[in-house]
Amino acid sequence: MFDKVLASRLNNRIEIHREQIIQGELGDKREYKLYKKVWADIIPLSANSITTSEDFEYTDTKFKIIMRKVDINQADIIYYKGIKYEISHIIPAFNKNNYIEVHCILKKEYYGEL
């Protein structure tokens, strides 16, 4: 029963991007490429706004993304609707079999007059 309820909440199509080595004319370079698309539930947790100077401010918004177990690691990047989420840590959802919780941070920077 619980899995059916949770599965119905996985209504956001996210992309997992993984770093790959690409061979080029000038040598190898690393870039992130689409690895997998999965369905997930995205839950906002908290937001912090930090001012470092008169004309610079950034915000860190933390999210918990619940998805079915998938091969994902902390070095991967998640994109949702073109927005990049950096993975801070991954933990199993102990009360939900076959699911994981991926905790992410969305960083936004603001320059100029606030």
N, C-alpha and C. Protein backbone atom coordinates (compact mmCIF):
# COMPACT_ATOMS: atom_id res chain seq x y z
N MET A 1 0.82 -1.20 0.00
CA MET A 1 0.00 0.00 0.00
C MET A 1 0.86 1.25 0.00
N PHE A 2 1.88 1.30 0.90
CA PHE A 2 2.71 2.50 1.01
C PHE A 2 3.45 2.78 -0.29
N ASP A 3 3.98 1.70 -0.94
CA ASP A 3 4.70 1.89 -2.20
C ASP A 3 3.81 2.48 -3.27
N LYS A 4 2.53 2.08 -3.32
CA LYS A 4 1.62 2.61 -4.32
C LYS A 4 1.37 4.09 -4.10
N VAL A 5 1.24 4.51 -2.86
CA VAL A 5 1.02 5.92 -2.57
C VAL A 5 2.25 6.73 -2.95
N LEU A 6 3.43 6.25 -2.58
CA LEU A 6 4.66 6.95 -2.91
C LEU A 6 4.90 6.97 -4.41
N ALA A 7 4.66 5.87 -5.07
CA ALA A 7 4.86 5.80 -6.51
C ALA A 7 4.01 6.83 -7.24
N SER A 8 2.82 7.11 -6.75
CA SER A 8 1.95 8.10 -7.40
C SER A 8 2.48 9.53 -7.22
N ARG A 9 3.37 9.73 -6.22
CA ARG A 9 3.95 11.06 -6.01
C ARG A 9 5.19 11.29 -6.86
N LEU A 10 5.70 10.27 -7.51
CA LEU A 10 6.88 10.41 -8.36
C LEU A 10 6.44 10.98 -9.70
N ASN A 11 6.12 12.28 -9.71
CA ASN A 11 5.54 12.89 -10.90
C ASN A 11 6.42 13.94 -11.55
N ASN A 12 7.69 14.03 -11.15
CA ASN A 12 8.63 14.97 -11.75
C ASN A 12 9.69 14.18 -12.52
N ARG A 13 9.83 14.46 -13.80
CA ARG A 13 10.81 13.75 -14.64
C ARG A 13 12.14 14.49 -14.51
N ILE A 14 13.11 13.85 -13.86
CA ILE A 14 14.41 14.48 -13.66
C ILE A 14 15.44 13.78 -14.54
N GLU A 15 16.54 14.48 -14.77
CA GLU A 15 17.65 13.93 -15.54
C GLU A 15 18.86 13.80 -14.63
N ILE A 16 19.52 12.66 -14.70
CA ILE A 16 20.77 12.45 -13.98
C ILE A 16 21.88 12.56 -15.01
N HIS A 17 22.82 13.46 -14.76
CA HIS A 17 23.96 13.65 -15.65
C HIS A 17 25.22 13.14 -14.95
N ARG A 18 26.04 12.45 -15.72
CA ARG A 18 27.26 11.86 -15.18
C ARG A 18 28.46 12.36 -15.96
N GLU A 19 29.55 12.59 -15.23
CA GLU A 19 30.78 13.07 -15.86
C GLU A 19 31.39 11.97 -16.72
N GLN A 20 31.75 12.33 -17.94
CA GLN A 20 32.37 11.39 -18.86
C GLN A 20 33.61 12.03 -19.47
N ILE A 21 34.55 11.19 -19.87
CA ILE A 21 35.74 11.68 -20.55
C ILE A 21 35.48 11.64 -22.05
N ILE A 22 35.61 12.78 -22.70
CA ILE A 22 35.37 12.91 -24.12
C ILE A 22 36.72 13.14 -24.81
N GLN A 23 37.00 12.34 -25.83
CA GLN A 23 38.25 12.51 -26.57
C GLN A 23 38.08 13.56 -27.63
N GLY A 24 39.01 14.53 -27.65
CA GLY A 24 38.96 15.59 -28.63
C GLY A 24 40.29 15.72 -29.34
N GLU A 25 40.36 16.65 -30.28
CA GLU A 25 41.59 16.86 -31.04
C GLU A 25 42.73 17.34 -30.15
N LEU A 26 42.41 18.10 -29.12
CA LEU A 26 43.45 18.65 -28.23
C LEU A 26 43.65 17.81 -26.98
N GLY A 27 43.04 16.65 -26.94
CA GLY A 27 43.18 15.79 -25.77
C GLY A 27 41.84 15.48 -25.15
N ASP A 28 41.89 14.79 -24.04
CA ASP A 28 40.67 14.39 -23.36
C ASP A 28 40.13 15.54 -22.52
N LYS A 29 38.82 15.63 -22.44
CA LYS A 29 38.19 16.60 -21.56
C LYS A 29 37.02 15.92 -20.86
N ARG A 30 36.64 16.47 -19.72
CA ARG A 30 35.53 15.92 -18.95
C ARG A 30 34.32 16.83 -19.12
N GLU A 31 33.19 16.20 -19.34
CA GLU A 31 31.95 16.96 -19.37
C GLU A 31 30.80 16.05 -18.92
N TYR A 32 29.75 16.72 -18.45
CA TYR A 32 28.58 15.98 -17.97
C TYR A 32 27.65 15.68 -19.14
N LYS A 33 27.23 14.42 -19.23
CA LYS A 33 26.31 13.96 -20.27
C LYS A 33 25.11 13.30 -19.61
N LEU A 34 23.98 13.32 -20.30
CA LEU A 34 22.78 12.67 -19.78
C LEU A 34 23.06 11.20 -19.56
N TYR A 35 22.80 10.74 -18.36
CA TYR A 35 23.01 9.34 -18.00
C TYR A 35 21.68 8.59 -17.98
N LYS A 36 20.68 9.20 -17.33
CA LYS A 36 19.41 8.51 -17.16
C LYS A 36 18.31 9.52 -16.81
N LYS A 37 17.08 9.23 -17.23
CA LYS A 37 15.91 10.00 -16.81
C LYS A 37 15.08 9.11 -15.90
N VAL A 38 14.62 9.68 -14.77
CA VAL A 38 13.81 8.92 -13.82
C VAL A 38 12.68 9.80 -13.30
N TRP A 39 11.67 9.16 -12.73
CA TRP A 39 10.58 9.87 -12.08
C TRP A 39 10.93 10.06 -10.61
N ALA A 40 10.60 11.23 -10.07
CA ALA A 40 10.98 11.53 -8.69
C ALA A 40 9.97 12.48 -8.05
N ASP A 41 10.04 12.54 -6.72
CA ASP A 41 9.28 13.50 -5.93
C ASP A 41 10.29 14.50 -5.38
N ILE A 42 10.09 15.78 -5.63
CA ILE A 42 11.02 16.82 -5.19
C ILE A 42 10.38 17.60 -4.05
N ILE A 43 11.07 17.62 -2.90
CA ILE A 43 10.53 18.25 -1.70
C ILE A 43 11.49 19.34 -1.23
N PRO A 44 11.08 20.61 -1.21
CA PRO A 44 11.94 21.66 -0.67
C PRO A 44 12.10 21.51 0.84
N LEU A 45 13.33 21.72 1.34
CA LEU A 45 13.58 21.57 2.77
C LEU A 45 13.88 22.90 3.45
N SER A 46 14.82 23.68 2.90
CA SER A 46 15.18 24.94 3.54
C SER A 46 15.90 25.84 2.54
N ALA A 47 16.02 27.13 2.90
CA ALA A 47 16.73 28.08 2.06
C ALA A 47 17.51 29.04 2.95
N ASN A 48 18.73 29.36 2.51
CA ASN A 48 19.58 30.32 3.21
C ASN A 48 20.00 31.39 2.22
N SER A 49 19.97 32.64 2.65
CA SER A 49 20.45 33.75 1.83
C SER A 49 21.67 34.34 2.52
N ILE A 50 22.76 34.46 1.78
CA ILE A 50 24.01 34.93 2.36
C ILE A 50 24.55 36.07 1.50
N THR A 51 24.87 37.19 2.13
CA THR A 51 25.46 38.33 1.45
C THR A 51 26.95 38.35 1.77
N THR A 52 27.77 38.36 0.73
CA THR A 52 29.22 38.35 0.96
C THR A 52 29.85 39.71 0.71
N SER A 53 29.19 40.60 0.00
CA SER A 53 29.66 41.96 -0.21
C SER A 53 28.45 42.83 -0.52
N GLU A 54 28.70 44.11 -0.80
CA GLU A 54 27.58 45.02 -1.06
C GLU A 54 26.77 44.63 -2.28
N ASP A 55 27.43 44.06 -3.29
CA ASP A 55 26.74 43.79 -4.54
C ASP A 55 26.69 42.30 -4.91
N PHE A 56 26.92 41.44 -3.95
CA PHE A 56 26.88 40.00 -4.24
C PHE A 56 26.14 39.26 -3.15
N GLU A 57 25.19 38.42 -3.56
CA GLU A 57 24.43 37.61 -2.62
C GLU A 57 24.16 36.27 -3.29
N TYR A 58 24.12 35.23 -2.49
CA TYR A 58 23.73 33.93 -3.05
C TYR A 58 22.79 33.22 -2.09
N THR A 59 22.01 32.33 -2.66
CA THR A 59 21.09 31.53 -1.85
C THR A 59 21.39 30.06 -2.06
N ASP A 60 21.27 29.31 -1.00
CA ASP A 60 21.36 27.85 -1.05
C ASP A 60 19.99 27.31 -0.65
N THR A 61 19.34 26.65 -1.57
CA THR A 61 18.06 26.03 -1.28
C THR A 61 18.27 24.52 -1.28
N LYS A 62 17.85 23.88 -0.20
CA LYS A 62 18.06 22.44 -0.05
C LYS A 62 16.78 21.69 -0.40
N PHE A 63 16.95 20.58 -1.12
CA PHE A 63 15.84 19.76 -1.56
C PHE A 63 16.11 18.30 -1.22
N LYS A 64 15.04 17.56 -1.01
CA LYS A 64 15.11 16.11 -0.90
C LYS A 64 14.39 15.56 -2.11
N ILE A 65 15.08 14.70 -2.86
CA ILE A 65 14.50 14.09 -4.05
C ILE A 65 14.37 12.59 -3.78
N ILE A 66 13.15 12.10 -3.83
CA ILE A 66 12.88 10.68 -3.59
C ILE A 66 12.66 10.02 -4.95
N MET A 67 13.35 8.90 -5.15
CA MET A 67 13.22 8.15 -6.40
C MET A 67 13.42 6.67 -6.12
N ARG A 68 13.06 5.85 -7.08
CA ARG A 68 13.35 4.43 -6.96
C ARG A 68 14.86 4.24 -6.98
N LYS A 69 15.32 3.15 -6.39
CA LYS A 69 16.76 2.88 -6.37
C LYS A 69 17.29 2.86 -7.79
N VAL A 70 18.37 3.60 -7.98
CA VAL A 70 18.99 3.72 -9.29
C VAL A 70 20.49 3.90 -9.06
N ASP A 71 21.28 3.57 -10.05
CA ASP A 71 22.72 3.76 -9.96
C ASP A 71 23.01 5.26 -10.04
N ILE A 72 23.22 5.87 -8.90
CA ILE A 72 23.50 7.30 -8.82
C ILE A 72 24.60 7.48 -7.78
N ASN A 73 25.47 8.46 -8.00
CA ASN A 73 26.52 8.71 -7.01
C ASN A 73 26.62 10.21 -6.75
N GLN A 74 27.37 10.56 -5.75
CA GLN A 74 27.43 11.94 -5.28
C GLN A 74 28.06 12.88 -6.31
N ALA A 75 28.85 12.36 -7.22
CA ALA A 75 29.48 13.20 -8.25
C ALA A 75 28.52 13.54 -9.39
N ASP A 76 27.38 12.87 -9.46
CA ASP A 76 26.40 13.14 -10.51
C ASP A 76 25.72 14.49 -10.27
N ILE A 77 25.08 15.00 -11.30
CA ILE A 77 24.32 16.25 -11.24
C ILE A 77 22.88 15.92 -11.66
N ILE A 78 21.92 16.54 -10.99
CA ILE A 78 20.51 16.36 -11.34
C ILE A 78 19.99 17.64 -11.98
N TYR A 79 19.24 17.50 -13.06
CA TYR A 79 18.58 18.62 -13.71
C TYR A 79 17.08 18.38 -13.69
N TYR A 80 16.35 19.44 -13.36
CA TYR A 80 14.90 19.41 -13.43
C TYR A 80 14.45 20.71 -14.07
N LYS A 81 13.78 20.62 -15.20
CA LYS A 81 13.32 21.79 -15.97
C LYS A 81 14.47 22.75 -16.23
N GLY A 82 15.64 22.22 -16.57
CA GLY A 82 16.79 23.03 -16.92
C GLY A 82 17.55 23.61 -15.74
N ILE A 83 17.12 23.33 -14.53
CA ILE A 83 17.78 23.85 -13.33
C ILE A 83 18.69 22.78 -12.75
N LYS A 84 19.90 23.17 -12.39
CA LYS A 84 20.92 22.25 -11.92
C LYS A 84 20.89 22.12 -10.40
N TYR A 85 20.87 20.87 -9.92
CA TYR A 85 20.89 20.56 -8.49
C TYR A 85 22.14 19.75 -8.20
N GLU A 86 22.96 20.22 -7.27
CA GLU A 86 24.17 19.50 -6.88
C GLU A 86 23.84 18.54 -5.74
N ILE A 87 24.31 17.31 -5.83
CA ILE A 87 24.01 16.30 -4.83
C ILE A 87 24.93 16.48 -3.63
N SER A 88 24.34 16.57 -2.44
CA SER A 88 25.15 16.67 -1.22
C SER A 88 25.34 15.30 -0.58
N HIS A 89 24.28 14.48 -0.56
CA HIS A 89 24.41 13.11 -0.05
C HIS A 89 23.21 12.27 -0.48
N ILE A 90 23.43 10.96 -0.44
CA ILE A 90 22.40 9.99 -0.84
C ILE A 90 22.23 9.01 0.30
N ILE A 91 20.97 8.79 0.70
CA ILE A 91 20.71 7.82 1.76
C ILE A 91 19.56 6.92 1.35
N PRO A 92 19.55 5.69 1.82
CA PRO A 92 18.39 4.83 1.54
C PRO A 92 17.19 5.31 2.36
N ALA A 93 16.02 5.20 1.78
CA ALA A 93 14.80 5.52 2.51
C ALA A 93 14.43 4.27 3.30
N PHE A 94 14.84 4.22 4.56
CA PHE A 94 14.70 3.00 5.36
C PHE A 94 13.26 2.54 5.53
N ASN A 95 12.33 3.47 5.54
CA ASN A 95 10.93 3.07 5.73
C ASN A 95 10.22 2.84 4.39
N LYS A 96 10.95 2.98 3.29
CA LYS A 96 10.34 2.78 1.97
C LYS A 96 11.25 1.86 1.16
N ASN A 97 10.87 0.61 1.02
CA ASN A 97 11.68 -0.35 0.27
C ASN A 97 11.84 0.10 -1.18
N ASN A 98 13.03 -0.13 -1.71
CA ASN A 98 13.35 0.13 -3.11
C ASN A 98 13.37 1.61 -3.49
N TYR A 99 13.48 2.51 -2.51
CA TYR A 99 13.57 3.94 -2.79
C TYR A 99 14.82 4.51 -2.13
N ILE A 100 15.29 5.64 -2.68
CA ILE A 100 16.41 6.36 -2.07
C ILE A 100 16.03 7.83 -1.95
N GLU A 101 16.70 8.50 -1.02
CA GLU A 101 16.55 9.94 -0.86
C GLU A 101 17.86 10.59 -1.27
N VAL A 102 17.78 11.50 -2.22
CA VAL A 102 18.95 12.23 -2.69
C VAL A 102 18.79 13.66 -2.22
N HIS A 103 19.70 14.10 -1.38
CA HIS A 103 19.65 15.47 -0.86
C HIS A 103 20.51 16.36 -1.75
N CYS A 104 19.90 17.45 -2.21
CA CYS A 104 20.55 18.32 -3.20
C CYS A 104 20.52 19.76 -2.75
N ILE A 105 21.39 20.55 -3.38
CA ILE A 105 21.46 21.99 -3.13
C ILE A 105 21.34 22.72 -4.46
N LEU A 106 20.46 23.71 -4.49
CA LEU A 106 20.31 24.60 -5.62
C LEU A 106 20.96 25.91 -5.22
N LYS A 107 22.01 26.31 -5.95
CA LYS A 107 22.72 27.56 -5.64
C LYS A 107 22.37 28.60 -6.69
N LYS A 108 22.01 29.79 -6.21
CA LYS A 108 21.74 30.91 -7.11
C LYS A 108 22.56 32.09 -6.64
N GLU A 109 23.16 32.79 -7.59
CA GLU A 109 23.96 33.97 -7.28
C GLU A 109 23.32 35.21 -7.85
N TYR A 110 23.42 36.30 -7.11
CA TYR A 110 22.84 37.57 -7.52
C TYR A 110 23.93 38.62 -7.47
N TYR A 111 24.10 39.37 -8.57
CA TYR A 111 25.09 40.43 -8.63
C TYR A 111 24.39 41.77 -8.81
N GLY A 112 25.08 42.83 -8.45
CA GLY A 112 24.53 44.15 -8.64
C GLY A 112 23.65 44.55 -7.47
N GLU A 113 22.81 45.58 -7.70
CA GLU A 113 21.94 46.05 -6.64
C GLU A 113 20.89 45.01 -6.31
N LEU A 114 20.68 44.85 -5.03
CA LEU A 114 19.73 43.82 -4.57
C LEU A 114 18.39 44.44 -4.24
